[in-house]
């Protein structure tokens, strides 16, 4: 039976890859990559010669069928994302679903666990992490305010991703939504119940040379990031406690 391995790769530091992941990447017939250039740097660093095939969120149905055909022919494949664990806020989940549906058990899907920005940020947050909500990237336009209101209203810490282009806007939107928060009282009346976001954690460039972590009140975090244009670059993970 052929195997599709779901392989976690480093989110920054190339040393954050397991021995098993390197072995699997070297043994499979092909590696499915979000971006072959990005994965190529990792493979070159460890002298892995396995051929790569592009698979990403814009891949056509034909590409999915090509993967199904390779698995049906007995080929073993590894799926990787540009960084982290495939399927976590990543198009890999659609491919896994297609393999499950179309191959009906004729191929095995196996996890090769590795880094994830979600767990990496939670592990250093200092917040209670026995329960949390992961919401991925906010929508750019439609549904964005609803997304933000759900974060503010959550009973548990919420983890979200945001790009360098919108990080300040996102934090300011969170602050505004918290101040405008409303609740329905026992009489059925809507009351203004502002929330003071004092337990916010923003992680930038996790595991990389310029890793930065901001903790505390959202006002102060916004000020710190605004103070330096360098602090507005990179990949961001935002954790909202209360």
C-alpha atoms as a PDB file:
ATOM      1  CA  UNK A   1       0.000   0.000   0.000  1.00  0.00           C
ATOM      2  CA  UNK A   2       1.323   3.426  -0.941  1.00  0.00           C
ATOM      3  CA  UNK A   3       1.747   6.100   1.723  1.00  0.00           C
ATOM      4  CA  UNK A   4       1.144   9.858   1.728  1.00  0.00           C
ATOM      5  CA  UNK A   5       3.284  11.313   4.522  1.00  0.00           C
ATOM      6  CA  UNK A   6       2.239  14.654   6.030  1.00  0.00           C
ATOM      7  CA  UNK A   7       5.593  16.106   7.055  1.00  0.00           C
ATOM      8  CA  UNK A   8       6.122  19.057   9.381  1.00  0.00           C
ATOM      9  CA  UNK A   9       9.026  21.308   8.377  1.00  0.00           C
ATOM     10  CA  UNK A  10      10.758  24.233  10.158  1.00  0.00           C
ATOM     11  CA  UNK A  11       8.903  27.521  10.576  1.00  0.00           C
ATOM     12  CA  UNK A  12      12.215  29.343  10.484  1.00  0.00           C
ATOM     13  CA  UNK A  13      15.313  27.737  11.920  1.00  0.00           C
ATOM     14  CA  UNK A  14      16.363  24.889   9.617  1.00  0.00           C
ATOM     15  CA  UNK A  15      17.603  22.862  12.593  1.00  0.00           C
ATOM     16  CA  UNK A  16      14.001  22.400  13.730  1.00  0.00           C
ATOM     17  CA  UNK A  17      13.382  19.284  11.675  1.00  0.00           C
ATOM     18  CA  UNK A  18      13.230  15.769  13.021  1.00  0.00           C
ATOM     19  CA  UNK A  19      15.511  12.916  12.038  1.00  0.00           C
ATOM     20  CA  UNK A  20      12.456  10.958  10.963  1.00  0.00           C
ATOM     21  CA  UNK A  21      11.265  13.804   8.716  1.00  0.00           C
ATOM     22  CA  UNK A  22      14.652  13.926   6.982  1.00  0.00           C
ATOM     23  CA  UNK A  23      14.627  10.163   6.503  1.00  0.00           C
ATOM     24  CA  UNK A  24      11.125  10.175   5.032  1.00  0.00           C
ATOM     25  CA  UNK A  25      11.907  13.090   2.706  1.00  0.00           C
ATOM     26  CA  UNK A  26      14.911  11.150   1.448  1.00  0.00           C
ATOM     27  CA  UNK A  27      13.033   7.865   0.979  1.00  0.00           C
ATOM     28  CA  UNK A  28       9.791   8.894  -0.773  1.00  0.00           C
ATOM     29  CA  UNK A  29       9.444   8.954  -4.548  1.00  0.00           C
ATOM     30  CA  UNK A  30       8.289  12.595  -4.718  1.00  0.00           C
ATOM     31  CA  UNK A  31       7.778  15.562  -2.387  1.00  0.00           C
ATOM     32  CA  UNK A  32       4.669  17.725  -2.883  1.00  0.00           C
ATOM     33  CA  UNK A  33       5.578  21.339  -2.078  1.00  0.00           C
ATOM     34  CA  UNK A  34       3.656  24.561  -1.582  1.00  0.00           C
ATOM     35  CA  UNK A  35       6.600  26.308  -3.267  1.00  0.00           C
ATOM     36  CA  UNK A  36       9.371  24.153  -4.742  1.00  0.00           C
ATOM     37  CA  UNK A  37      11.886  26.999  -4.355  1.00  0.00           C
ATOM     38  CA  UNK A  38      11.264  27.321  -0.614  1.00  0.00           C
ATOM     39  CA  UNK A  39      11.375  23.575  -0.017  1.00  0.00           C
ATOM     40  CA  UNK A  40      14.403  23.344  -2.302  1.00  0.00           C
ATOM     41  CA  UNK A  41      16.446  25.416   0.153  1.00  0.00           C
ATOM     42  CA  UNK A  42      15.625  23.000   2.991  1.00  0.00           C
ATOM     43  CA  UNK A  43      16.394  19.941   0.866  1.00  0.00           C
ATOM     44  CA  UNK A  44      19.669  21.431  -0.367  1.00  0.00           C
ATOM     45  CA  UNK A  45      20.710  22.236   3.216  1.00  0.00           C
ATOM     46  CA  UNK A  46      20.371  18.549   4.129  1.00  0.00           C
ATOM     47  CA  UNK A  47      21.486  17.191   0.747  1.00  0.00           C
ATOM     48  CA  UNK A  48      18.132  15.511   0.036  1.00  0.00           C
ATOM     49  CA  UNK A  49      17.851  14.727  -3.677  1.00  0.00           C
ATOM     50  CA  UNK A  50      14.187  13.654  -3.890  1.00  0.00           C
ATOM     51  CA  UNK A  51      12.298  15.230  -6.847  1.00  0.00           C
ATOM     52  CA  UNK A  52       9.688  17.858  -5.955  1.00  0.00           C
ATOM     53  CA  UNK A  53       6.245  18.604  -7.402  1.00  0.00           C
ATOM     54  CA  UNK A  54       4.332  21.834  -6.872  1.00  0.00           C
ATOM     55  CA  UNK A  55       1.048  21.576  -4.969  1.00  0.00           C
ATOM     56  CA  UNK A  56      -0.605  24.696  -3.499  1.00  0.00           C
ATOM     57  CA  UNK A  57      -3.966  26.392  -2.925  1.00  0.00           C
ATOM     58  CA  UNK A  58      -4.319  27.295  -6.616  1.00  0.00           C
ATOM     59  CA  UNK A  59      -3.517  23.806  -7.923  1.00  0.00           C
ATOM     60  CA  UNK A  60      -6.109  22.446 -10.322  1.00  0.00           C
ATOM     61  CA  UNK A  61      -8.215  19.312 -10.065  1.00  0.00           C
ATOM     62  CA  UNK A  62      -5.843  17.789 -12.596  1.00  0.00           C
ATOM     63  CA  UNK A  63      -2.977  18.127 -10.117  1.00  0.00           C
ATOM     64  CA  UNK A  64      -5.034  16.348  -7.453  1.00  0.00           C
ATOM     65  CA  UNK A  65      -5.795  13.579  -9.932  1.00  0.00           C
ATOM     66  CA  UNK A  66      -2.078  13.344 -10.741  1.00  0.00           C
ATOM     67  CA  UNK A  67      -1.358  12.767  -7.039  1.00  0.00           C
ATOM     68  CA  UNK A  68      -4.103  10.118  -6.875  1.00  0.00           C
ATOM     69  CA  UNK A  69      -2.627   8.375  -9.919  1.00  0.00           C
ATOM     70  CA  UNK A  70       0.862   8.296  -8.388  1.00  0.00           C
ATOM     71  CA  UNK A  71      -0.453   6.820  -5.154  1.00  0.00           C
ATOM     72  CA  UNK A  72      -2.513   4.303  -7.125  1.00  0.00           C
ATOM     73  CA  UNK A  73       0.674   3.289  -8.956  1.00  0.00           C
ATOM     74  CA  UNK A  74       2.336   2.498  -5.624  1.00  0.00           C
ATOM     75  CA  UNK A  75       4.395   5.675  -5.266  1.00  0.00           C
ATOM     76  CA  UNK A  76       5.103   7.000  -1.759  1.00  0.00           C
ATOM     77  CA  UNK A  77       4.734  10.768  -1.437  1.00  0.00           C
ATOM     78  CA  UNK A  78       5.505  13.417   1.178  1.00  0.00           C
ATOM     79  CA  UNK A  79       3.415  16.579   1.504  1.00  0.00           C
ATOM     80  CA  UNK A  80       5.109  19.663   2.971  1.00  0.00           C
ATOM     81  CA  UNK A  81       4.162  23.311   3.300  1.00  0.00           C
ATOM     82  CA  UNK A  82       6.532  26.268   3.057  1.00  0.00           C
ATOM     83  CA  UNK A  83       6.782  26.221   6.841  1.00  0.00           C
ATOM     84  CA  UNK A  84       5.185  24.267   9.656  1.00  0.00           C
ATOM     85  CA  UNK A  85       2.678  21.435   9.516  1.00  0.00           C
ATOM     86  CA  UNK A  86       0.590  20.890   6.354  1.00  0.00           C
ATOM     87  CA  UNK A  87      -3.155  21.189   6.810  1.00  0.00           C
ATOM     88  CA  UNK A  88      -2.947  23.770   9.604  1.00  0.00           C
ATOM     89  CA  UNK A  89      -4.275  26.956   7.962  1.00  0.00           C
ATOM     90  CA  UNK A  90      -2.886  25.452   4.781  1.00  0.00           C
ATOM     91  CA  UNK A  91      -4.325  23.978   1.530  1.00  0.00           C
ATOM     92  CA  UNK A  92      -2.885  20.544   2.304  1.00  0.00           C
ATOM     93  CA  UNK A  93      -6.119  19.624   4.051  1.00  0.00           C
ATOM     94  CA  UNK A  94      -7.996  19.628   0.737  1.00  0.00           C
ATOM     95  CA  UNK A  95      -5.563  17.142  -0.783  1.00  0.00           C
ATOM     96  CA  UNK A  96      -5.806  14.836   2.223  1.00  0.00           C
ATOM     97  CA  UNK A  97      -9.592  14.916   1.971  1.00  0.00           C
ATOM     98  CA  UNK A  98      -9.435  14.103  -1.750  1.00  0.00           C
ATOM     99  CA  UNK A  99      -7.124  11.140  -1.138  1.00  0.00           C
ATOM    100  CA  UNK A 100      -9.427   9.811   1.572  1.00  0.00           C
ATOM    101  CA  UNK A 101     -12.503  10.144  -0.638  1.00  0.00           C
ATOM    102  CA  UNK A 102     -11.118   8.929  -3.963  1.00  0.00           C
ATOM    103  CA  UNK A 103      -8.810   6.147  -2.839  1.00  0.00           C
ATOM    104  CA  UNK A 104     -11.192   4.655  -0.269  1.00  0.00           C
ATOM    105  CA  UNK A 105      -8.474   3.214   1.937  1.00  0.00           C
ATOM    106  CA  UNK A 106      -6.159   2.135  -0.903  1.00  0.00           C
ATOM    107  CA  UNK A 107      -3.483   4.553   0.337  1.00  0.00           C
ATOM    108  CA  UNK A 108      -2.267   5.165   3.868  1.00  0.00           C
ATOM    109  CA  UNK A 109      -1.963   8.698   5.277  1.00  0.00           C
ATOM    110  CA  UNK A 110       0.710   9.031   7.923  1.00  0.00           C
ATOM    111  CA  UNK A 111       1.702  12.015  10.062  1.00  0.00           C
ATOM    112  CA  UNK A 112       5.343  12.936  10.558  1.00  0.00           C
ATOM    113  CA  UNK A 113       4.875  15.540  13.318  1.00  0.00           C
ATOM    114  CA  UNK A 114       6.864  18.734  13.328  1.00  0.00           C
ATOM    115  CA  UNK A 115       6.827  22.472  14.048  1.00  0.00           C
ATOM    116  CA  UNK A 116       3.706  24.623  14.040  1.00  0.00           C
ATOM    117  CA  UNK A 117       3.511  28.351  14.732  1.00  0.00           C
ATOM    118  CA  UNK A 118       0.325  27.707  16.729  1.00  0.00           C
ATOM    119  CA  UNK A 119       1.929  25.461  19.332  1.00  0.00           C
ATOM    120  CA  UNK A 120       5.252  27.317  19.273  1.00  0.00           C
ATOM    121  CA  UNK A 121       3.558  30.600  20.197  1.00  0.00           C
ATOM    122  CA  UNK A 122       1.294  29.046  22.822  1.00  0.00           C
ATOM    123  CA  UNK A 123       4.249  27.324  24.485  1.00  0.00           C
ATOM    124  CA  UNK A 124       5.926  30.644  25.296  1.00  0.00           C
ATOM    125  CA  UNK A 125       2.803  32.755  25.805  1.00  0.00           C
ATOM    126  CA  UNK A 126       2.538  32.411  29.565  1.00  0.00           C
ATOM    127  CA  UNK A 127      -1.239  32.064  29.156  1.00  0.00           C
ATOM    128  CA  UNK A 128      -3.372  29.078  30.216  1.00  0.00           C
ATOM    129  CA  UNK A 129      -3.268  26.686  27.250  1.00  0.00           C
ATOM    130  CA  UNK A 130      -5.322  23.709  28.389  1.00  0.00           C
ATOM    131  CA  UNK A 131      -8.075  25.102  26.137  1.00  0.00           C
ATOM    132  CA  UNK A 132      -7.689  27.484  23.210  1.00  0.00           C
ATOM    133  CA  UNK A 133      -9.262  28.414  19.867  1.00  0.00           C
ATOM    134  CA  UNK A 134      -7.291  28.628  16.618  1.00  0.00           C
ATOM    135  CA  UNK A 135      -8.810  30.853  13.925  1.00  0.00           C
ATOM    136  CA  UNK A 136      -6.039  31.207  11.324  1.00  0.00           C
ATOM    137  CA  UNK A 137      -5.849  34.323   9.148  1.00  0.00           C
ATOM    138  CA  UNK A 138      -8.612  36.972   9.341  1.00  0.00           C
ATOM    139  CA  UNK A 139     -10.553  37.624   6.123  1.00  0.00           C
ATOM    140  CA  UNK A 140      -9.288  40.704   4.293  1.00  0.00           C
ATOM    141  CA  UNK A 141     -12.730  42.212   3.746  1.00  0.00           C
ATOM    142  CA  UNK A 142     -16.023  40.313   3.981  1.00  0.00           C
ATOM    143  CA  UNK A 143     -16.486  38.736   7.400  1.00  0.00           C
ATOM    144  CA  UNK A 144     -13.458  40.459   8.948  1.00  0.00           C
ATOM    145  CA  UNK A 145     -15.383  42.339  11.648  1.00  0.00           C
ATOM    146  CA  UNK A 146     -17.387  39.226  12.566  1.00  0.00           C
ATOM    147  CA  UNK A 147     -14.096  37.315  12.827  1.00  0.00           C
ATOM    148  CA  UNK A 148     -12.664  39.960  15.164  1.00  0.00           C
ATOM    149  CA  UNK A 149     -15.798  40.078  17.340  1.00  0.00           C
ATOM    150  CA  UNK A 150     -15.605  36.294  17.794  1.00  0.00           C
ATOM    151  CA  UNK A 151     -12.042  36.636  19.056  1.00  0.00           C
ATOM    152  CA  UNK A 152     -13.016  39.286  21.585  1.00  0.00           C
ATOM    153  CA  UNK A 153     -16.056  37.301  22.758  1.00  0.00           C
ATOM    154  CA  UNK A 154     -14.217  33.975  23.125  1.00  0.00           C
ATOM    155  CA  UNK A 155     -14.176  32.322  26.527  1.00  0.00           C
ATOM    156  CA  UNK A 156     -10.754  30.820  25.730  1.00  0.00           C
ATOM    157  CA  UNK A 157      -7.485  32.277  24.453  1.00  0.00           C
ATOM    158  CA  UNK A 158      -7.600  32.714  20.671  1.00  0.00           C
ATOM    159  CA  UNK A 159      -4.668  32.215  18.301  1.00  0.00           C
ATOM    160  CA  UNK A 160      -4.697  33.980  14.935  1.00  0.00           C
ATOM    161  CA  UNK A 161      -2.209  34.705  12.170  1.00  0.00           C
ATOM    162  CA  UNK A 162      -1.693  38.077  10.524  1.00  0.00           C
ATOM    163  CA  UNK A 163       0.611  39.409   7.831  1.00  0.00           C
ATOM    164  CA  UNK A 164       3.097  42.250   8.189  1.00  0.00           C
ATOM    165  CA  UNK A 165       0.881  44.394   5.940  1.00  0.00           C
ATOM    166  CA  UNK A 166      -2.082  44.321   8.325  1.00  0.00           C
ATOM    167  CA  UNK A 167      -0.682  43.581  11.802  1.00  0.00           C
ATOM    168  CA  UNK A 168      -1.175  47.100  13.196  1.00  0.00           C
ATOM    169  CA  UNK A 169      -4.624  47.391  11.618  1.00  0.00           C
ATOM    170  CA  UNK A 170      -5.589  44.019  13.100  1.00  0.00           C
ATOM    171  CA  UNK A 171      -4.478  44.941  16.617  1.00  0.00           C
ATOM    172  CA  UNK A 172      -6.281  48.285  16.421  1.00  0.00           C
ATOM    173  CA  UNK A 173      -9.441  46.533  15.210  1.00  0.00           C
ATOM    174  CA  UNK A 174      -9.221  44.133  18.154  1.00  0.00           C
ATOM    175  CA  UNK A 175      -8.858  47.056  20.559  1.00  0.00           C
ATOM    176  CA  UNK A 176     -11.864  48.842  19.061  1.00  0.00           C
ATOM    177  CA  UNK A 177     -14.036  45.713  19.103  1.00  0.00           C
ATOM    178  CA  UNK A 178     -13.141  45.080  22.758  1.00  0.00           C
ATOM    179  CA  UNK A 179     -14.113  48.610  23.761  1.00  0.00           C
ATOM    180  CA  UNK A 180     -17.399  48.329  21.842  1.00  0.00           C
ATOM    181  CA  UNK A 181     -18.222  44.873  23.178  1.00  0.00           C
ATOM    182  CA  UNK A 182     -21.890  44.361  24.089  1.00  0.00           C
ATOM    183  CA  UNK A 183     -23.760  41.708  26.053  1.00  0.00           C
ATOM    184  CA  UNK A 184     -27.442  40.902  26.576  1.00  0.00           C
ATOM    185  CA  UNK A 185     -28.443  41.078  30.234  1.00  0.00           C
ATOM    186  CA  UNK A 186     -31.026  38.926  32.015  1.00  0.00           C
ATOM    187  CA  UNK A 187     -33.780  41.345  30.980  1.00  0.00           C
ATOM    188  CA  UNK A 188     -32.920  40.882  27.322  1.00  0.00           C
ATOM    189  CA  UNK A 189     -31.410  44.352  27.103  1.00  0.00           C
ATOM    190  CA  UNK A 190     -28.199  45.032  25.194  1.00  0.00           C
ATOM    191  CA  UNK A 191     -25.548  46.605  27.390  1.00  0.00           C
ATOM    192  CA  UNK A 192     -22.141  48.015  26.549  1.00  0.00           C
ATOM    193  CA  UNK A 193     -19.541  45.825  28.316  1.00  0.00           C
ATOM    194  CA  UNK A 194     -16.059  47.024  27.292  1.00  0.00           C
ATOM    195  CA  UNK A 195     -13.235  44.508  27.630  1.00  0.00           C
ATOM    196  CA  UNK A 196      -9.744  45.618  28.561  1.00  0.00           C
ATOM    197  CA  UNK A 197      -7.335  43.424  26.599  1.00  0.00           C
ATOM    198  CA  UNK A 198      -4.458  43.101  29.053  1.00  0.00           C
ATOM    199  CA  UNK A 199      -3.264  39.571  28.231  1.00  0.00           C
ATOM    200  CA  UNK A 200      -2.259  39.770  24.588  1.00  0.00           C
ATOM    201  CA  UNK A 201       0.809  38.065  23.126  1.00  0.00           C
ATOM    202  CA  UNK A 202       2.219  38.902  19.708  1.00  0.00           C
ATOM    203  CA  UNK A 203       5.022  36.698  18.341  1.00  0.00           C
ATOM    204  CA  UNK A 204       7.087  37.831  15.374  1.00  0.00           C
ATOM    205  CA  UNK A 205       9.468  35.693  13.310  1.00  0.00           C
ATOM    206  CA  UNK A 206       9.329  32.664  15.626  1.00  0.00           C
ATOM    207  CA  UNK A 207      12.549  30.596  15.689  1.00  0.00           C
ATOM    208  CA  UNK A 208      14.308  33.073  13.384  1.00  0.00           C
ATOM    209  CA  UNK A 209      17.172  35.483  14.067  1.00  0.00           C
ATOM    210  CA  UNK A 210      14.887  38.437  14.757  1.00  0.00           C
ATOM    211  CA  UNK A 211      12.313  36.616  16.892  1.00  0.00           C
ATOM    212  CA  UNK A 212      10.388  39.101  19.036  1.00  0.00           C
ATOM    213  CA  UNK A 213       7.627  38.513  21.572  1.00  0.00           C
ATOM    214  CA  UNK A 214       5.368  41.259  22.934  1.00  0.00           C
ATOM    215  CA  UNK A 215       3.214  40.614  25.999  1.00  0.00           C
ATOM    216  CA  UNK A 216       0.705  42.638  27.976  1.00  0.00           C
ATOM    217  CA  UNK A 217      -1.835  45.373  27.219  1.00  0.00           C
ATOM    218  CA  UNK A 218      -2.808  45.758  23.593  1.00  0.00           C
ATOM    219  CA  UNK A 219      -2.235  49.546  23.670  1.00  0.00           C
ATOM    220  CA  UNK A 220       1.389  49.110  24.688  1.00  0.00           C
ATOM    221  CA  UNK A 221       1.976  46.366  22.122  1.00  0.00           C
ATOM    222  CA  UNK A 222       0.630  48.577  19.329  1.00  0.00           C
ATOM    223  CA  UNK A 223       2.927  51.408  20.471  1.00  0.00           C
ATOM    224  CA  UNK A 224       5.993  49.146  20.545  1.00  0.00           C
ATOM    225  CA  UNK A 225       5.385  47.787  17.047  1.00  0.00           C
ATOM    226  CA  UNK A 226       4.729  51.274  15.666  1.00  0.00           C
ATOM    227  CA  UNK A 227       8.004  52.549  17.145  1.00  0.00           C
ATOM    228  CA  UNK A 228      10.128  50.582  14.659  1.00  0.00           C
ATOM    229  CA  UNK A 229       9.452  49.730  11.023  1.00  0.00           C
ATOM    230  CA  UNK A 230      11.655  46.663  11.499  1.00  0.00           C
ATOM    231  CA  UNK A 231       9.160  45.358  14.068  1.00  0.00           C
ATOM    232  CA  UNK A 232       6.477  45.519  11.374  1.00  0.00           C
ATOM    233  CA  UNK A 233       8.220  42.952   9.183  1.00  0.00           C
ATOM    234  CA  UNK A 234       7.923  39.174   9.199  1.00  0.00           C
ATOM    235  CA  UNK A 235       5.258  36.633  10.132  1.00  0.00           C
ATOM    236  CA  UNK A 236       3.008  37.309  13.122  1.00  0.00           C
ATOM    237  CA  UNK A 237       1.060  35.111  15.533  1.00  0.00           C
ATOM    238  CA  UNK A 238      -1.405  36.900  17.811  1.00  0.00           C
ATOM    239  CA  UNK A 239      -2.793  35.317  20.978  1.00  0.00           C
ATOM    240  CA  UNK A 240      -5.659  37.112  22.689  1.00  0.00           C
ATOM    241  CA  UNK A 241      -6.339  36.249  26.312  1.00  0.00           C
ATOM    242  CA  UNK A 242      -8.359  38.733  28.303  1.00  0.00           C
END
